[in-house]
N, C-alpha and C. Protein backbone atom coordinates (compact mmCIF):
# COMPACT_ATOMS: atom_id res chain seq x y z
N GLY A 1 -57.32 12.39 6.38
CA GLY A 1 -57.04 12.10 7.78
C GLY A 1 -56.22 10.84 7.96
N PRO A 2 -55.91 10.47 9.19
CA PRO A 2 -55.07 9.30 9.46
C PRO A 2 -55.67 7.99 8.95
N VAL A 3 -57.01 7.86 9.00
CA VAL A 3 -57.64 6.61 8.52
C VAL A 3 -57.46 6.49 7.01
N ALA A 4 -57.76 7.56 6.28
CA ALA A 4 -57.62 7.56 4.81
C ALA A 4 -56.17 7.29 4.42
N GLU A 5 -55.23 7.88 5.16
CA GLU A 5 -53.81 7.68 4.90
C GLU A 5 -53.41 6.22 5.13
N THR A 6 -53.95 5.62 6.21
CA THR A 6 -53.67 4.21 6.51
C THR A 6 -54.17 3.33 5.37
N PHE A 7 -55.38 3.61 4.86
CA PHE A 7 -55.91 2.81 3.75
C PHE A 7 -55.12 3.03 2.46
N ARG A 8 -54.57 4.24 2.28
CA ARG A 8 -53.73 4.50 1.10
C ARG A 8 -52.49 3.60 1.15
N VAL A 9 -51.91 3.49 2.35
CA VAL A 9 -50.73 2.63 2.54
C VAL A 9 -51.10 1.16 2.32
N ILE A 10 -52.26 0.75 2.86
CA ILE A 10 -52.72 -0.64 2.69
C ILE A 10 -52.90 -0.94 1.20
N ARG A 11 -53.55 -0.01 0.47
CA ARG A 11 -53.76 -0.21 -0.97
C ARG A 11 -52.43 -0.45 -1.68
N GLY A 12 -51.42 0.31 -1.29
CA GLY A 12 -50.10 0.15 -1.90
C GLY A 12 -49.43 -1.16 -1.55
N ALA A 13 -49.83 -1.75 -0.41
CA ALA A 13 -49.19 -2.98 0.06
C ALA A 13 -49.90 -4.25 -0.43
N VAL A 14 -51.15 -4.10 -0.91
CA VAL A 14 -51.92 -5.25 -1.36
C VAL A 14 -51.26 -5.85 -2.59
N SER A 15 -50.99 -7.16 -2.54
CA SER A 15 -50.35 -7.82 -3.68
C SER A 15 -51.12 -9.09 -4.02
N GLU A 16 -50.87 -9.63 -5.22
CA GLU A 16 -51.50 -10.88 -5.64
C GLU A 16 -51.20 -11.99 -4.64
N GLU A 17 -49.99 -11.95 -4.06
CA GLU A 17 -49.57 -12.97 -3.09
C GLU A 17 -50.48 -12.94 -1.85
N PHE A 18 -50.76 -11.71 -1.34
CA PHE A 18 -51.66 -11.56 -0.20
C PHE A 18 -53.06 -12.07 -0.55
N VAL A 19 -53.53 -11.74 -1.76
CA VAL A 19 -54.85 -12.17 -2.20
C VAL A 19 -54.90 -13.69 -2.25
N ARG A 20 -53.87 -14.31 -2.85
CA ARG A 20 -53.81 -15.78 -2.95
C ARG A 20 -53.78 -16.45 -1.59
N SER A 21 -52.99 -15.89 -0.66
CA SER A 21 -52.82 -16.54 0.63
C SER A 21 -53.94 -16.23 1.62
N THR A 22 -54.72 -15.17 1.37
CA THR A 22 -55.75 -14.78 2.33
C THR A 22 -57.15 -15.20 1.89
N ARG A 23 -57.53 -14.80 0.68
CA ARG A 23 -58.86 -15.12 0.15
C ARG A 23 -59.99 -14.69 1.07
N GLY A 24 -59.95 -13.42 1.48
CA GLY A 24 -61.00 -12.92 2.36
C GLY A 24 -61.27 -11.45 2.14
N VAL A 25 -62.47 -11.03 2.54
CA VAL A 25 -62.86 -9.63 2.44
C VAL A 25 -63.16 -9.13 3.86
N PHE A 26 -62.50 -8.02 4.22
CA PHE A 26 -62.61 -7.46 5.57
C PHE A 26 -63.31 -6.12 5.51
N GLN A 27 -64.33 -5.97 6.34
CA GLN A 27 -65.04 -4.69 6.42
C GLN A 27 -64.78 -4.10 7.79
N PHE A 28 -64.51 -2.81 7.83
CA PHE A 28 -64.22 -2.12 9.09
C PHE A 28 -65.29 -1.08 9.35
N GLU A 29 -65.93 -1.17 10.51
CA GLU A 29 -66.91 -0.17 10.94
C GLU A 29 -66.18 0.68 11.98
N LEU A 30 -65.77 1.88 11.57
CA LEU A 30 -64.96 2.72 12.45
C LEU A 30 -65.77 3.90 12.99
N SER A 31 -65.60 4.15 14.29
CA SER A 31 -66.29 5.28 14.91
C SER A 31 -65.29 6.40 15.16
N GLY A 32 -65.78 7.63 15.25
CA GLY A 32 -64.90 8.76 15.52
C GLY A 32 -64.41 9.43 14.26
N ASP A 33 -63.36 10.24 14.38
CA ASP A 33 -62.81 11.01 13.26
C ASP A 33 -62.39 10.11 12.10
N GLY A 34 -62.85 10.43 10.90
CA GLY A 34 -62.48 9.66 9.71
C GLY A 34 -63.10 8.28 9.70
N GLY A 35 -64.10 8.08 10.55
CA GLY A 35 -64.75 6.78 10.65
C GLY A 35 -65.67 6.49 9.48
N GLY A 36 -66.54 5.53 9.68
CA GLY A 36 -67.44 5.09 8.62
C GLY A 36 -67.10 3.67 8.23
N THR A 37 -67.57 3.27 7.07
CA THR A 37 -67.33 1.90 6.58
C THR A 37 -66.16 1.92 5.60
N TRP A 38 -65.18 1.05 5.87
CA TRP A 38 -63.99 0.90 5.02
C TRP A 38 -63.80 -0.59 4.75
N TYR A 39 -63.00 -0.93 3.75
CA TYR A 39 -62.81 -2.36 3.47
C TYR A 39 -61.42 -2.67 2.93
N ILE A 40 -61.05 -3.93 3.08
CA ILE A 40 -59.86 -4.48 2.41
C ILE A 40 -60.34 -5.75 1.71
N ASP A 41 -60.25 -5.78 0.40
CA ASP A 41 -60.68 -6.94 -0.39
C ASP A 41 -59.44 -7.75 -0.78
N LEU A 42 -59.28 -8.90 -0.14
CA LEU A 42 -58.17 -9.80 -0.47
C LEU A 42 -58.74 -11.10 -1.03
N LYS A 43 -59.78 -10.94 -1.87
CA LYS A 43 -60.42 -12.09 -2.49
C LYS A 43 -60.49 -11.90 -4.00
N SER A 44 -60.93 -10.69 -4.41
CA SER A 44 -61.04 -10.38 -5.84
C SER A 44 -59.64 -10.24 -6.44
N GLU A 45 -59.52 -10.54 -7.73
CA GLU A 45 -58.21 -10.47 -8.41
C GLU A 45 -57.60 -9.08 -8.23
N GLY A 46 -56.33 -9.05 -7.83
CA GLY A 46 -55.63 -7.79 -7.66
C GLY A 46 -55.82 -7.17 -6.28
N GLY A 47 -56.95 -7.48 -5.64
CA GLY A 47 -57.22 -6.94 -4.32
C GLY A 47 -57.49 -5.44 -4.37
N SER A 48 -58.10 -4.92 -3.32
CA SER A 48 -58.34 -3.48 -3.24
C SER A 48 -58.65 -3.10 -1.80
N ALA A 49 -58.67 -1.81 -1.55
CA ALA A 49 -59.00 -1.30 -0.22
C ALA A 49 -59.52 0.11 -0.39
N GLY A 50 -60.43 0.52 0.50
CA GLY A 50 -60.92 1.88 0.41
C GLY A 50 -62.13 2.15 1.26
N PHE A 51 -62.78 3.27 0.96
CA PHE A 51 -63.93 3.74 1.72
C PHE A 51 -65.21 3.14 1.15
N GLY A 52 -66.15 2.83 2.05
CA GLY A 52 -67.45 2.32 1.62
C GLY A 52 -67.55 0.82 1.82
N LYS A 53 -68.65 0.27 1.32
CA LYS A 53 -68.88 -1.17 1.42
C LYS A 53 -67.95 -1.88 0.43
N PRO A 54 -67.48 -3.10 0.80
CA PRO A 54 -66.64 -3.84 -0.15
C PRO A 54 -67.44 -4.23 -1.41
N PRO A 55 -66.73 -4.46 -2.53
CA PRO A 55 -67.40 -4.81 -3.78
C PRO A 55 -68.12 -6.16 -3.71
N VAL A 56 -67.67 -7.04 -2.83
CA VAL A 56 -68.34 -8.33 -2.59
C VAL A 56 -68.59 -8.45 -1.09
N ALA A 57 -69.46 -9.38 -0.69
CA ALA A 57 -69.82 -9.53 0.72
C ALA A 57 -68.58 -9.78 1.59
N ALA A 58 -68.55 -9.12 2.75
CA ALA A 58 -67.42 -9.25 3.67
C ALA A 58 -67.47 -10.59 4.40
N ASP A 59 -66.31 -11.21 4.58
CA ASP A 59 -66.19 -12.45 5.36
C ASP A 59 -66.03 -12.12 6.84
N VAL A 60 -65.43 -10.96 7.10
CA VAL A 60 -65.16 -10.54 8.47
C VAL A 60 -65.55 -9.06 8.61
N VAL A 61 -66.28 -8.74 9.67
CA VAL A 61 -66.61 -7.34 9.96
C VAL A 61 -65.97 -6.99 11.30
N MET A 62 -65.14 -5.97 11.31
CA MET A 62 -64.46 -5.54 12.52
C MET A 62 -64.96 -4.15 12.90
N SER A 63 -65.32 -3.98 14.16
CA SER A 63 -65.79 -2.69 14.65
C SER A 63 -64.83 -2.17 15.71
N MET A 64 -64.42 -0.91 15.55
CA MET A 64 -63.52 -0.28 16.52
C MET A 64 -63.47 1.22 16.27
N SER A 65 -62.80 1.94 17.15
CA SER A 65 -62.66 3.38 16.92
C SER A 65 -61.60 3.62 15.86
N SER A 66 -61.72 4.74 15.15
CA SER A 66 -60.74 5.06 14.10
C SER A 66 -59.35 5.24 14.72
N THR A 67 -59.28 5.77 15.94
CA THR A 67 -58.00 5.97 16.62
C THR A 67 -57.30 4.63 16.86
N ASP A 68 -58.07 3.64 17.38
CA ASP A 68 -57.50 2.32 17.64
C ASP A 68 -57.12 1.61 16.34
N PHE A 69 -57.92 1.83 15.28
CA PHE A 69 -57.62 1.23 13.98
C PHE A 69 -56.24 1.70 13.49
N VAL A 70 -56.01 3.00 13.54
CA VAL A 70 -54.73 3.56 13.11
C VAL A 70 -53.59 3.01 13.97
N LYS A 71 -53.81 2.94 15.30
CA LYS A 71 -52.80 2.38 16.20
C LYS A 71 -52.49 0.93 15.84
N MET A 72 -53.53 0.16 15.52
CA MET A 72 -53.37 -1.25 15.19
C MET A 72 -52.53 -1.42 13.91
N PHE A 73 -52.84 -0.62 12.90
CA PHE A 73 -52.14 -0.76 11.62
C PHE A 73 -50.75 -0.11 11.62
N THR A 74 -50.45 0.68 12.65
CA THR A 74 -49.10 1.26 12.72
C THR A 74 -48.27 0.51 13.77
N GLY A 75 -48.83 -0.59 14.29
CA GLY A 75 -48.08 -1.45 15.20
C GLY A 75 -48.06 -0.98 16.65
N LYS A 76 -48.86 0.03 16.98
CA LYS A 76 -48.86 0.54 18.36
C LYS A 76 -49.89 -0.18 19.24
N LEU A 77 -50.77 -0.97 18.61
CA LEU A 77 -51.78 -1.71 19.35
C LEU A 77 -51.88 -3.11 18.73
N LYS A 78 -51.62 -4.13 19.53
CA LYS A 78 -51.71 -5.51 19.04
C LYS A 78 -53.18 -5.90 18.86
N PRO A 79 -53.53 -6.44 17.67
CA PRO A 79 -54.93 -6.82 17.43
C PRO A 79 -55.50 -7.75 18.51
N THR A 80 -54.72 -8.73 18.96
CA THR A 80 -55.19 -9.66 19.98
C THR A 80 -55.54 -8.92 21.27
N LEU A 81 -54.67 -7.99 21.66
CA LEU A 81 -54.90 -7.18 22.86
C LEU A 81 -56.15 -6.31 22.69
N ALA A 82 -56.30 -5.71 21.52
CA ALA A 82 -57.46 -4.87 21.22
C ALA A 82 -58.75 -5.69 21.36
N PHE A 83 -58.70 -6.93 20.85
CA PHE A 83 -59.86 -7.81 20.90
C PHE A 83 -60.17 -8.21 22.34
N MET A 84 -59.14 -8.63 23.07
CA MET A 84 -59.32 -9.08 24.46
C MET A 84 -59.83 -7.96 25.37
N SER A 85 -59.42 -6.72 25.09
CA SER A 85 -59.82 -5.60 25.94
C SER A 85 -61.14 -4.97 25.49
N GLY A 86 -61.74 -5.52 24.45
CA GLY A 86 -63.04 -5.02 24.00
C GLY A 86 -62.97 -3.82 23.07
N LYS A 87 -61.76 -3.42 22.67
CA LYS A 87 -61.62 -2.27 21.76
C LYS A 87 -61.94 -2.67 20.32
N LEU A 88 -61.84 -3.98 20.06
CA LEU A 88 -62.07 -4.51 18.71
C LEU A 88 -63.14 -5.59 18.80
N ARG A 89 -64.20 -5.43 18.00
CA ARG A 89 -65.24 -6.46 17.93
C ARG A 89 -65.18 -7.10 16.55
N ILE A 90 -65.22 -8.43 16.52
CA ILE A 90 -65.11 -9.16 15.26
C ILE A 90 -66.33 -10.04 15.05
N LYS A 91 -66.94 -9.91 13.86
CA LYS A 91 -68.04 -10.79 13.47
C LYS A 91 -67.60 -11.52 12.21
N GLY A 92 -67.89 -12.82 12.16
CA GLY A 92 -67.57 -13.56 10.94
C GLY A 92 -66.46 -14.57 11.16
N ASN A 93 -65.67 -14.76 10.12
CA ASN A 93 -64.65 -15.79 10.06
C ASN A 93 -63.40 -15.43 10.88
N MET A 94 -63.27 -16.03 12.07
CA MET A 94 -62.14 -15.72 12.96
C MET A 94 -60.79 -16.13 12.37
N SER A 95 -60.75 -17.24 11.66
CA SER A 95 -59.46 -17.67 11.11
C SER A 95 -58.95 -16.69 10.06
N LEU A 96 -59.87 -16.06 9.32
CA LEU A 96 -59.47 -15.02 8.37
C LEU A 96 -58.97 -13.78 9.11
N ALA A 97 -59.62 -13.46 10.23
CA ALA A 97 -59.20 -12.31 11.05
C ALA A 97 -57.76 -12.53 11.52
N ILE A 98 -57.42 -13.75 11.88
CA ILE A 98 -56.07 -14.08 12.34
C ILE A 98 -55.08 -13.95 11.18
N LYS A 99 -55.50 -14.36 9.98
CA LYS A 99 -54.62 -14.20 8.80
C LYS A 99 -54.29 -12.73 8.57
N LEU A 100 -55.29 -11.86 8.75
CA LEU A 100 -55.06 -10.43 8.56
C LEU A 100 -54.07 -9.91 9.59
N GLU A 101 -54.17 -10.41 10.82
CA GLU A 101 -53.24 -9.99 11.86
C GLU A 101 -51.80 -10.35 11.47
N LYS A 102 -51.62 -11.52 10.87
CA LYS A 102 -50.27 -11.94 10.43
C LYS A 102 -49.74 -10.99 9.35
N MET A 103 -50.67 -10.55 8.47
CA MET A 103 -50.29 -9.64 7.39
C MET A 103 -49.82 -8.29 7.93
N LEU A 104 -50.44 -7.84 9.05
CA LEU A 104 -50.04 -6.56 9.65
C LEU A 104 -48.57 -6.61 10.03
């Protein structure tokens, strides 16, 4: 589905440079089609992304619908706007969440 495809693209984009500059683990709690728990690990060497709980504890947990997640990662929904309108809920390290937004 679109969520799995988005994570496939993210996996391909993860680089040592992103890991070095970010140093954070992001967990996504997505509702709706293709939802569930997904993660982007930009802390462990090489980085990774995929379905399920991250290999190490998440620094940031983001909750949103799978539809909004796909919109956010394809540039159709600004993360700040999603957060302000209540479509995106963030728990944890806000400065890391902002770093992820820059990476998008």
